[in-house]
N, C-alpha and C. Protein backbone atom coordinates (compact mmCIF):
# COMPACT_ATOMS: atom_id res chain seq x y z
N UNK A 1 -4.41 42.55 138.95
CA UNK A 1 -3.05 42.18 138.58
C UNK A 1 -2.40 43.38 137.90
N UNK A 2 -1.12 43.65 138.25
CA UNK A 2 -0.42 44.79 137.72
C UNK A 2 -0.06 44.55 136.24
N UNK A 3 -0.28 45.63 135.46
CA UNK A 3 0.08 45.41 134.07
C UNK A 3 1.58 45.66 133.85
N UNK A 4 2.12 45.14 132.81
CA UNK A 4 3.55 45.24 132.51
C UNK A 4 3.85 46.68 132.04
N UNK A 5 4.65 47.42 132.73
CA UNK A 5 5.08 48.76 132.30
C UNK A 5 6.15 48.61 131.21
N UNK A 6 6.01 49.34 130.19
CA UNK A 6 6.98 49.25 129.08
C UNK A 6 7.71 50.58 128.92
N UNK A 7 9.00 50.57 128.71
CA UNK A 7 9.73 51.76 128.42
C UNK A 7 9.60 52.08 126.92
N UNK A 8 9.61 53.34 126.63
CA UNK A 8 9.57 53.74 125.18
C UNK A 8 10.86 53.36 124.58
N UNK A 9 10.82 52.71 123.43
CA UNK A 9 11.98 52.28 122.74
C UNK A 9 11.72 52.23 121.24
N UNK A 10 12.79 52.33 120.49
CA UNK A 10 12.66 52.18 119.10
C UNK A 10 12.37 50.76 118.64
N UNK A 11 12.63 49.82 119.50
CA UNK A 11 12.43 48.39 119.14
C UNK A 11 10.98 47.99 119.39
N UNK A 12 10.36 47.29 118.57
CA UNK A 12 9.00 46.85 118.70
C UNK A 12 8.90 45.79 119.86
N UNK A 13 7.67 45.79 120.45
CA UNK A 13 7.41 44.76 121.51
C UNK A 13 7.36 43.45 120.85
N UNK A 14 7.76 42.44 121.60
CA UNK A 14 7.63 41.09 121.01
C UNK A 14 6.15 40.67 120.84
N UNK A 15 5.82 39.90 119.79
CA UNK A 15 4.43 39.50 119.59
C UNK A 15 3.99 38.55 120.70
N UNK A 16 2.72 38.53 120.99
CA UNK A 16 2.25 37.67 122.05
C UNK A 16 2.34 36.22 121.60
N UNK A 17 2.47 35.30 122.58
CA UNK A 17 2.54 33.86 122.27
C UNK A 17 1.12 33.36 122.45
N UNK A 18 0.72 32.43 121.60
CA UNK A 18 -0.63 31.86 121.65
C UNK A 18 -0.88 31.25 123.04
N UNK A 19 -2.06 31.46 123.55
CA UNK A 19 -2.39 30.87 124.83
C UNK A 19 -3.17 29.59 124.66
N UNK A 20 -2.96 28.63 125.62
CA UNK A 20 -3.63 27.36 125.56
C UNK A 20 -4.63 27.29 126.70
N UNK A 21 -5.78 26.71 126.42
CA UNK A 21 -6.80 26.58 127.48
C UNK A 21 -6.24 25.74 128.60
N UNK A 22 -6.58 26.04 129.93
CA UNK A 22 -6.00 25.36 131.08
C UNK A 22 -6.15 23.82 131.03
N UNK A 23 -7.27 23.29 130.66
CA UNK A 23 -7.47 21.85 130.60
C UNK A 23 -6.56 21.25 129.53
N UNK A 24 -6.50 21.94 128.42
CA UNK A 24 -5.65 21.47 127.27
C UNK A 24 -4.17 21.57 127.64
N UNK A 25 -3.84 22.62 128.39
CA UNK A 25 -2.43 22.87 128.78
C UNK A 25 -1.81 21.77 129.55
N UNK A 26 -2.61 21.09 130.42
CA UNK A 26 -2.05 20.07 131.27
C UNK A 26 -1.81 18.75 130.49
N UNK A 27 -2.56 18.58 129.42
CA UNK A 27 -2.45 17.33 128.64
C UNK A 27 -1.37 17.41 127.58
N UNK A 28 -1.07 18.58 127.14
CA UNK A 28 -0.09 18.76 126.00
C UNK A 28 1.32 19.15 126.50
N UNK A 29 2.31 18.81 125.72
CA UNK A 29 3.66 19.32 125.99
C UNK A 29 3.68 20.84 125.96
N UNK A 30 4.47 21.55 126.63
CA UNK A 30 4.61 22.98 126.67
C UNK A 30 5.47 23.47 125.46
N UNK A 31 4.95 23.22 124.29
CA UNK A 31 5.77 23.53 123.11
C UNK A 31 6.12 25.01 123.04
N UNK A 32 5.23 25.88 123.51
CA UNK A 32 5.55 27.31 123.49
C UNK A 32 6.85 27.60 124.30
N UNK A 33 6.93 27.10 125.51
CA UNK A 33 8.04 27.33 126.39
C UNK A 33 9.32 26.60 125.83
N UNK A 34 9.15 25.37 125.39
CA UNK A 34 10.26 24.61 124.82
C UNK A 34 10.86 25.38 123.65
N UNK A 35 10.01 25.88 122.74
CA UNK A 35 10.53 26.55 121.56
C UNK A 35 11.09 27.90 121.88
N UNK A 36 10.39 28.68 122.82
CA UNK A 36 10.95 29.95 123.17
C UNK A 36 12.32 29.80 123.84
N UNK A 37 12.48 28.84 124.70
CA UNK A 37 13.76 28.60 125.39
C UNK A 37 14.83 28.28 124.36
N UNK A 38 14.44 27.46 123.36
CA UNK A 38 15.42 27.15 122.29
C UNK A 38 15.88 28.41 121.57
N UNK A 39 14.84 29.27 121.09
CA UNK A 39 15.26 30.41 120.33
C UNK A 39 15.96 31.47 121.18
N UNK A 40 15.57 31.61 122.44
CA UNK A 40 16.26 32.59 123.35
C UNK A 40 17.67 32.14 123.53
N UNK A 41 17.94 30.89 123.75
CA UNK A 41 19.27 30.34 123.93
C UNK A 41 20.12 30.53 122.58
N UNK A 42 19.46 30.24 121.52
CA UNK A 42 20.16 30.38 120.23
C UNK A 42 20.67 31.80 119.98
N UNK A 43 19.79 32.77 120.22
CA UNK A 43 20.21 34.17 120.06
C UNK A 43 21.16 34.66 121.11
N UNK A 44 21.01 34.17 122.37
CA UNK A 44 21.90 34.61 123.47
C UNK A 44 23.30 34.15 123.19
N UNK A 45 23.49 32.87 122.85
CA UNK A 45 24.82 32.35 122.55
C UNK A 45 25.35 32.82 121.17
N UNK A 46 24.38 33.18 120.30
CA UNK A 46 24.84 33.61 118.93
C UNK A 46 25.66 34.93 119.06
N UNK A 47 25.35 35.75 120.02
CA UNK A 47 26.17 36.95 120.24
C UNK A 47 27.63 36.63 120.51
N UNK A 48 27.83 35.67 121.44
CA UNK A 48 29.14 35.17 121.70
C UNK A 48 29.77 34.40 120.59
N UNK A 49 28.99 33.58 119.98
CA UNK A 49 29.50 32.73 118.86
C UNK A 49 30.25 33.61 117.81
N UNK A 50 29.66 34.74 117.41
CA UNK A 50 30.21 35.57 116.39
C UNK A 50 31.59 36.13 116.81
N UNK A 51 31.74 36.54 118.05
CA UNK A 51 33.00 37.02 118.54
C UNK A 51 33.98 35.88 118.66
N UNK A 52 33.64 34.72 119.22
CA UNK A 52 34.50 33.60 119.39
C UNK A 52 35.04 33.08 118.02
N UNK A 53 34.18 33.14 117.05
CA UNK A 53 34.56 32.66 115.71
C UNK A 53 35.88 33.38 115.20
N UNK A 54 35.98 34.63 115.49
CA UNK A 54 37.17 35.39 115.00
C UNK A 54 38.45 34.84 115.68
N UNK A 55 38.37 34.10 116.75
CA UNK A 55 39.52 33.51 117.44
C UNK A 55 39.70 31.99 117.12
N UNK A 56 38.73 31.49 116.31
CA UNK A 56 38.75 30.07 116.02
C UNK A 56 38.21 29.19 117.19
N UNK A 57 37.41 29.84 118.04
CA UNK A 57 36.84 29.18 119.23
C UNK A 57 35.38 28.93 119.01
N UNK A 58 34.81 28.01 119.81
CA UNK A 58 33.41 27.73 119.82
C UNK A 58 32.79 27.83 121.25
N UNK A 59 31.62 27.31 121.39
CA UNK A 59 30.92 27.41 122.67
C UNK A 59 31.60 26.70 123.81
N UNK A 60 32.29 25.60 123.54
CA UNK A 60 32.99 24.87 124.54
C UNK A 60 34.15 25.75 125.15
N UNK A 61 34.78 26.46 124.21
CA UNK A 61 35.88 27.35 124.67
C UNK A 61 35.32 28.47 125.49
N UNK A 62 34.14 29.00 125.12
CA UNK A 62 33.48 30.05 125.92
C UNK A 62 33.12 29.54 127.31
N UNK A 63 32.57 28.42 127.45
CA UNK A 63 32.21 27.90 128.77
C UNK A 63 33.46 27.71 129.63
N UNK A 64 34.47 27.13 129.12
CA UNK A 64 35.70 26.98 129.93
C UNK A 64 36.29 28.32 130.28
N UNK A 65 36.39 29.22 129.37
CA UNK A 65 36.98 30.53 129.60
C UNK A 65 36.13 31.33 130.61
N UNK A 66 34.80 31.19 130.50
CA UNK A 66 33.93 31.89 131.46
C UNK A 66 34.22 31.49 132.88
N UNK A 67 34.15 30.15 133.11
CA UNK A 67 34.29 29.65 134.51
C UNK A 67 35.73 29.85 135.02
N UNK A 68 36.71 29.71 134.16
CA UNK A 68 38.11 29.91 134.63
C UNK A 68 38.35 31.34 134.95
N UNK A 69 37.76 32.24 134.18
CA UNK A 69 37.90 33.68 134.42
C UNK A 69 37.17 34.13 135.75
N UNK A 70 35.96 33.58 135.94
CA UNK A 70 35.25 33.89 137.16
C UNK A 70 35.79 33.24 138.41
N UNK A 71 36.56 32.18 138.27
CA UNK A 71 37.10 31.39 139.41
C UNK A 71 38.55 31.05 139.19
N UNK A 72 39.45 32.05 139.17
CA UNK A 72 40.90 31.74 138.99
C UNK A 72 41.37 30.73 140.02
N UNK A 73 42.11 29.73 139.57
CA UNK A 73 42.56 28.70 140.46
C UNK A 73 41.66 27.45 140.48
N UNK A 74 40.60 27.49 139.73
CA UNK A 74 39.67 26.41 139.61
C UNK A 74 40.43 25.14 139.20
N UNK A 75 40.18 24.04 139.81
CA UNK A 75 40.89 22.82 139.40
C UNK A 75 40.22 22.16 138.22
N UNK A 76 40.85 21.32 137.48
CA UNK A 76 40.33 20.63 136.40
C UNK A 76 39.14 19.79 136.87
N UNK A 77 39.26 19.13 137.99
CA UNK A 77 38.20 18.30 138.55
C UNK A 77 36.94 19.15 138.77
N UNK A 78 37.13 20.34 139.39
CA UNK A 78 35.97 21.25 139.67
C UNK A 78 35.31 21.69 138.37
N UNK A 79 36.12 21.99 137.38
CA UNK A 79 35.61 22.42 136.09
C UNK A 79 34.80 21.29 135.43
N UNK A 80 35.34 20.09 135.51
CA UNK A 80 34.66 18.92 134.96
C UNK A 80 33.28 18.76 135.64
N UNK A 81 33.19 18.96 136.92
CA UNK A 81 31.98 18.87 137.69
C UNK A 81 30.97 19.97 137.27
N UNK A 82 31.42 21.18 137.05
CA UNK A 82 30.61 22.22 136.61
C UNK A 82 29.97 21.98 135.21
N UNK A 83 30.87 21.66 134.30
CA UNK A 83 30.44 21.53 132.90
C UNK A 83 29.80 20.19 132.56
N UNK A 84 30.03 19.20 133.39
CA UNK A 84 29.46 17.81 133.18
C UNK A 84 29.90 17.34 131.77
N UNK A 85 31.19 17.44 131.52
CA UNK A 85 31.70 16.88 130.24
C UNK A 85 32.81 15.90 130.55
N UNK A 86 33.29 15.23 129.51
CA UNK A 86 34.36 14.20 129.73
C UNK A 86 35.72 14.91 129.80
N UNK A 87 36.65 14.23 130.45
CA UNK A 87 37.99 14.82 130.58
C UNK A 87 38.57 14.94 129.16
N UNK A 88 38.31 14.02 128.30
CA UNK A 88 38.78 14.07 126.92
C UNK A 88 38.31 15.36 126.19
N UNK A 89 37.06 15.66 126.34
CA UNK A 89 36.48 16.87 125.72
C UNK A 89 37.11 18.18 126.27
N UNK A 90 37.30 18.14 127.57
CA UNK A 90 37.93 19.31 128.26
C UNK A 90 39.33 19.47 127.85
N UNK A 91 40.09 18.36 127.76
CA UNK A 91 41.53 18.49 127.37
C UNK A 91 41.75 19.07 125.98
N UNK A 92 40.89 18.73 125.07
CA UNK A 92 41.01 19.32 123.74
C UNK A 92 40.83 20.84 123.76
N UNK A 93 39.80 21.27 124.43
CA UNK A 93 39.45 22.70 124.52
C UNK A 93 40.57 23.44 125.32
N UNK A 94 40.95 22.86 126.42
CA UNK A 94 41.97 23.51 127.23
C UNK A 94 43.30 23.67 126.55
N UNK A 95 43.63 22.59 125.74
CA UNK A 95 44.90 22.64 124.99
C UNK A 95 44.88 23.87 124.03
N UNK A 96 43.78 24.03 123.38
CA UNK A 96 43.64 25.20 122.39
C UNK A 96 43.69 26.50 123.14
N UNK A 97 43.02 26.65 124.28
CA UNK A 97 43.02 27.89 125.05
C UNK A 97 44.37 28.18 125.59
N UNK A 98 45.07 27.12 126.00
CA UNK A 98 46.43 27.27 126.53
C UNK A 98 47.43 27.63 125.43
N UNK A 99 47.36 26.92 124.36
CA UNK A 99 48.28 27.12 123.21
C UNK A 99 48.16 28.57 122.59
N UNK A 100 46.92 29.10 122.66
CA UNK A 100 46.66 30.47 122.14
C UNK A 100 46.84 31.52 123.14
N UNK A 101 47.23 31.16 124.42
CA UNK A 101 47.51 32.16 125.37
C UNK A 101 46.28 32.75 126.14
N UNK A 102 45.24 32.03 126.29
CA UNK A 102 44.03 32.50 127.00
C UNK A 102 43.94 31.97 128.38
N UNK A 103 44.54 30.77 128.66
CA UNK A 103 44.46 30.08 129.92
C UNK A 103 45.86 29.51 130.27
N UNK A 104 46.19 29.54 131.57
CA UNK A 104 47.41 28.87 132.05
C UNK A 104 47.01 27.73 132.97
N UNK A 105 47.76 26.66 132.97
CA UNK A 105 47.59 25.54 133.81
C UNK A 105 48.77 25.50 134.77
N UNK A 106 48.51 25.50 136.09
CA UNK A 106 49.58 25.46 137.07
C UNK A 106 49.39 24.33 138.03
N UNK A 107 50.45 23.90 138.65
CA UNK A 107 50.38 22.85 139.65
C UNK A 107 49.71 23.49 140.88
N UNK A 108 49.01 22.69 141.62
CA UNK A 108 48.23 23.10 142.78
C UNK A 108 49.21 23.62 143.82
N UNK A 109 48.76 24.61 144.64
CA UNK A 109 49.65 25.23 145.69
C UNK A 109 49.75 24.13 146.80
N UNK A 110 48.69 23.54 147.25
CA UNK A 110 48.68 22.57 148.32
C UNK A 110 49.08 21.18 147.82
N UNK A 111 48.47 20.73 146.75
CA UNK A 111 48.73 19.45 146.21
C UNK A 111 49.26 19.67 144.76
N UNK A 112 50.54 19.42 144.64
CA UNK A 112 51.22 19.63 143.34
C UNK A 112 50.69 18.80 142.18
N UNK A 113 49.98 17.72 142.53
CA UNK A 113 49.39 16.87 141.51
C UNK A 113 48.14 17.48 140.86
N UNK A 114 47.49 18.41 141.66
CA UNK A 114 46.33 19.05 141.12
C UNK A 114 46.71 20.00 140.00
N UNK A 115 45.85 20.22 139.05
CA UNK A 115 46.06 21.20 138.02
C UNK A 115 45.04 22.32 138.23
N UNK A 116 45.53 23.53 138.47
CA UNK A 116 44.67 24.69 138.62
C UNK A 116 44.72 25.52 137.38
N UNK A 117 43.59 26.15 137.05
CA UNK A 117 43.44 26.93 135.83
C UNK A 117 43.29 28.41 136.17
N UNK A 118 44.05 29.20 135.37
CA UNK A 118 44.07 30.64 135.54
C UNK A 118 43.93 31.30 134.15
N UNK A 119 43.11 32.33 134.08
CA UNK A 119 43.03 33.08 132.78
C UNK A 119 44.24 33.97 132.70
N UNK A 120 44.66 34.18 131.46
CA UNK A 120 45.72 35.21 131.21
C UNK A 120 44.96 36.56 131.01
N UNK A 121 45.76 37.66 130.86
CA UNK A 121 45.14 38.92 130.64
C UNK A 121 44.27 38.86 129.38
N UNK A 122 44.77 38.23 128.35
CA UNK A 122 43.96 38.08 127.13
C UNK A 122 42.68 37.29 127.37
N UNK A 123 42.79 36.23 128.13
CA UNK A 123 41.63 35.42 128.49
C UNK A 123 40.57 36.21 129.24
N UNK A 124 41.02 36.96 130.22
CA UNK A 124 40.06 37.77 130.98
C UNK A 124 39.41 38.79 130.11
N UNK A 125 40.18 39.44 129.23
CA UNK A 125 39.56 40.47 128.32
C UNK A 125 38.56 39.91 127.38
N UNK A 126 38.84 38.66 126.86
CA UNK A 126 37.88 38.03 125.94
C UNK A 126 36.66 37.59 126.72
N UNK A 127 36.80 37.05 127.87
CA UNK A 127 35.66 36.64 128.68
C UNK A 127 34.82 37.87 129.03
N UNK A 128 35.48 38.94 129.36
CA UNK A 128 34.72 40.17 129.68
C UNK A 128 33.98 40.75 128.48
N UNK A 129 34.66 40.71 127.30
CA UNK A 129 34.01 41.17 126.06
C UNK A 129 32.70 40.36 125.80
N UNK A 130 32.78 39.07 125.94
CA UNK A 130 31.61 38.22 125.71
C UNK A 130 30.51 38.53 126.74
N UNK A 131 30.93 38.64 128.04
CA UNK A 131 29.99 38.98 129.04
C UNK A 131 29.29 40.30 128.80
N UNK A 132 30.00 41.27 128.29
CA UNK A 132 29.40 42.58 128.01
C UNK A 132 28.40 42.47 126.85
N UNK A 133 28.70 41.68 125.85
CA UNK A 133 27.76 41.43 124.73
C UNK A 133 26.50 40.80 125.28
N UNK A 134 26.61 39.86 126.09
CA UNK A 134 25.44 39.09 126.57
C UNK A 134 24.66 39.99 127.56
N UNK A 135 25.35 40.84 128.28
CA UNK A 135 24.67 41.74 129.24
C UNK A 135 23.90 42.78 128.44
N UNK A 136 24.40 43.26 127.30
CA UNK A 136 23.57 44.17 126.47
C UNK A 136 22.25 43.58 126.17
N UNK A 137 22.23 42.26 125.77
CA UNK A 137 20.91 41.64 125.47
C UNK A 137 20.05 41.63 126.71
N UNK A 138 20.55 41.25 127.85
CA UNK A 138 19.78 41.26 129.09
C UNK A 138 19.23 42.69 129.38
N UNK A 139 20.08 43.71 129.33
CA UNK A 139 19.62 45.04 129.58
C UNK A 139 18.51 45.49 128.65
N UNK A 140 18.63 45.15 127.37
CA UNK A 140 17.57 45.48 126.40
C UNK A 140 16.28 44.79 126.81
N UNK A 141 16.34 43.51 127.14
CA UNK A 141 15.12 42.76 127.54
C UNK A 141 14.53 43.30 128.87
N UNK A 142 15.37 43.52 129.81
CA UNK A 142 14.84 44.02 131.15
C UNK A 142 14.31 45.38 130.97
N UNK A 143 14.78 46.15 130.06
CA UNK A 143 14.24 47.48 129.82
C UNK A 143 12.79 47.47 129.38
N UNK A 144 12.26 46.38 128.89
CA UNK A 144 10.91 46.21 128.44
C UNK A 144 10.01 45.55 129.45
N UNK A 145 10.55 45.10 130.62
CA UNK A 145 9.81 44.39 131.58
C UNK A 145 9.62 45.10 132.86
N UNK A 146 8.87 44.58 133.75
CA UNK A 146 8.65 45.15 135.10
C UNK A 146 9.98 45.18 135.85
N UNK A 147 9.99 46.04 136.86
CA UNK A 147 11.23 46.19 137.65
C UNK A 147 11.67 44.92 138.33
N UNK A 148 10.78 44.05 138.73
CA UNK A 148 11.10 42.85 139.47
C UNK A 148 11.48 41.70 138.44
N UNK A 149 11.62 41.97 137.20
CA UNK A 149 11.83 40.91 136.21
C UNK A 149 13.16 40.22 136.42
N UNK A 150 14.22 40.88 136.81
CA UNK A 150 15.52 40.22 137.01
C UNK A 150 15.46 39.16 138.12
N UNK A 151 15.00 39.51 139.36
CA UNK A 151 14.90 38.42 140.32
C UNK A 151 13.94 37.33 139.94
N UNK A 152 12.88 37.65 139.22
CA UNK A 152 11.95 36.64 138.72
C UNK A 152 12.68 35.70 137.68
N UNK A 153 13.47 36.26 136.85
CA UNK A 153 14.23 35.54 135.87
C UNK A 153 15.22 34.64 136.57
N UNK A 154 15.89 35.14 137.56
CA UNK A 154 16.84 34.33 138.35
C UNK A 154 16.16 33.18 139.02
N UNK A 155 14.98 33.42 139.65
CA UNK A 155 14.24 32.38 140.27
C UNK A 155 13.79 31.34 139.28
N UNK A 156 13.26 31.77 138.18
CA UNK A 156 12.89 30.82 137.05
C UNK A 156 13.99 29.93 136.61
N UNK A 157 15.16 30.57 136.30
CA UNK A 157 16.29 29.78 135.78
C UNK A 157 16.78 28.82 136.87
N UNK A 158 16.87 29.26 138.12
CA UNK A 158 17.36 28.37 139.20
C UNK A 158 16.36 27.21 139.35
N UNK A 159 15.02 27.46 139.24
CA UNK A 159 14.08 26.40 139.31
C UNK A 159 14.14 25.40 138.22
N UNK A 160 14.71 25.80 137.05
CA UNK A 160 14.84 24.90 135.92
C UNK A 160 16.03 23.86 136.16
N UNK A 161 16.88 24.17 137.08
CA UNK A 161 18.02 23.29 137.38
C UNK A 161 17.54 22.19 138.28
N UNK A 162 18.18 21.01 138.07
CA UNK A 162 17.88 19.83 138.88
C UNK A 162 17.81 20.26 140.36
N UNK A 163 16.80 19.91 141.12
CA UNK A 163 16.71 20.36 142.50
C UNK A 163 17.91 19.92 143.36
N UNK A 164 18.57 18.77 143.01
CA UNK A 164 19.70 18.34 143.83
C UNK A 164 20.91 19.22 143.56
N UNK A 165 20.88 20.04 142.46
CA UNK A 165 22.03 20.86 142.12
C UNK A 165 21.77 22.33 142.37
N UNK A 166 20.53 22.72 142.72
CA UNK A 166 20.22 24.14 142.84
C UNK A 166 21.06 24.90 143.86
N UNK A 167 21.22 24.38 145.05
CA UNK A 167 21.98 25.07 146.06
C UNK A 167 23.43 25.21 145.63
N UNK A 168 23.98 24.15 145.13
CA UNK A 168 25.40 24.22 144.64
C UNK A 168 25.56 25.23 143.52
N UNK A 169 24.63 25.28 142.57
CA UNK A 169 24.70 26.26 141.46
C UNK A 169 24.55 27.68 142.01
N UNK A 170 23.57 27.88 142.90
CA UNK A 170 23.36 29.22 143.45
C UNK A 170 24.62 29.71 144.17
N UNK A 171 25.30 28.84 144.88
CA UNK A 171 26.52 29.20 145.56
C UNK A 171 27.59 29.48 144.60
N UNK A 172 27.67 28.71 143.53
CA UNK A 172 28.70 28.91 142.53
C UNK A 172 28.53 30.27 141.81
N UNK A 173 27.33 30.54 141.43
CA UNK A 173 26.97 31.83 140.76
C UNK A 173 27.32 32.99 141.64
N UNK A 174 26.98 32.94 142.91
CA UNK A 174 27.21 34.01 143.84
C UNK A 174 28.69 34.22 144.17
N UNK A 175 29.52 33.15 143.98
CA UNK A 175 30.92 33.24 144.34
C UNK A 175 31.88 33.69 143.24
N UNK A 176 31.41 33.93 142.08
CA UNK A 176 32.26 34.28 140.96
C UNK A 176 32.89 35.63 141.13
N UNK A 177 34.07 35.74 140.66
CA UNK A 177 34.86 37.00 140.70
C UNK A 177 34.25 38.03 139.75
N UNK A 178 34.39 39.27 140.06
CA UNK A 178 34.03 40.33 139.16
C UNK A 178 35.23 40.55 138.20
N UNK A 179 34.92 40.59 136.89
CA UNK A 179 35.99 40.70 135.93
C UNK A 179 36.29 42.19 135.59
N UNK A 180 37.51 42.58 135.50
CA UNK A 180 37.87 43.89 135.06
C UNK A 180 38.87 43.70 133.98
N UNK A 181 38.90 44.57 132.96
CA UNK A 181 39.86 44.49 131.87
C UNK A 181 41.27 44.64 132.45
N UNK A 182 42.17 43.79 131.92
CA UNK A 182 43.56 43.81 132.32
C UNK A 182 44.45 44.11 131.15
N UNK A 183 45.47 44.90 131.38
CA UNK A 183 46.46 45.19 130.36
C UNK A 183 45.83 45.75 129.09
N UNK A 184 46.25 45.21 127.95
CA UNK A 184 45.73 45.65 126.65
C UNK A 184 44.39 45.06 126.36
N UNK A 185 43.63 45.79 125.65
CA UNK A 185 42.31 45.32 125.22
C UNK A 185 42.45 44.44 124.01
N UNK A 186 41.53 43.58 123.75
CA UNK A 186 41.58 42.66 122.58
C UNK A 186 41.28 43.46 121.32
């Protein structure tokens, strides 16, 4: 088995996680993975949380802004399907993003009753700033792992998704627009 090649870095390597005997592993919950996923998510979103806080926004605002920025023209119904939240929850967050000039709501081109969501220049720039912060964390992590770690991480995360949703999510992820800073920076 190939050993993990590590790049020289000023950062220390993460400590090893305790190993469980195979027979014991099948009988017990996978606390190591459960807790590591919790802490990884906490720190990953924490980078964004600190930036969002300066705008008076939270994680719900980030999720909406992310998907609207990656898919300009996304309908409210499509966003509700992606986020799996109530219309009431979305309306509160959308109102704040709209009122502060980060998102625009327009009537649908084909069906005027539809509401399509578009990021403003300010919205795109904030979404891009957050994505860059989170990308820095990924680059740091992948710098310590084997070359094939990114495809393996993608496969792992996709496998964590409900099997009935995997194809839909993979298509959604692949279809997102590339963000470029617009106009003035934040």
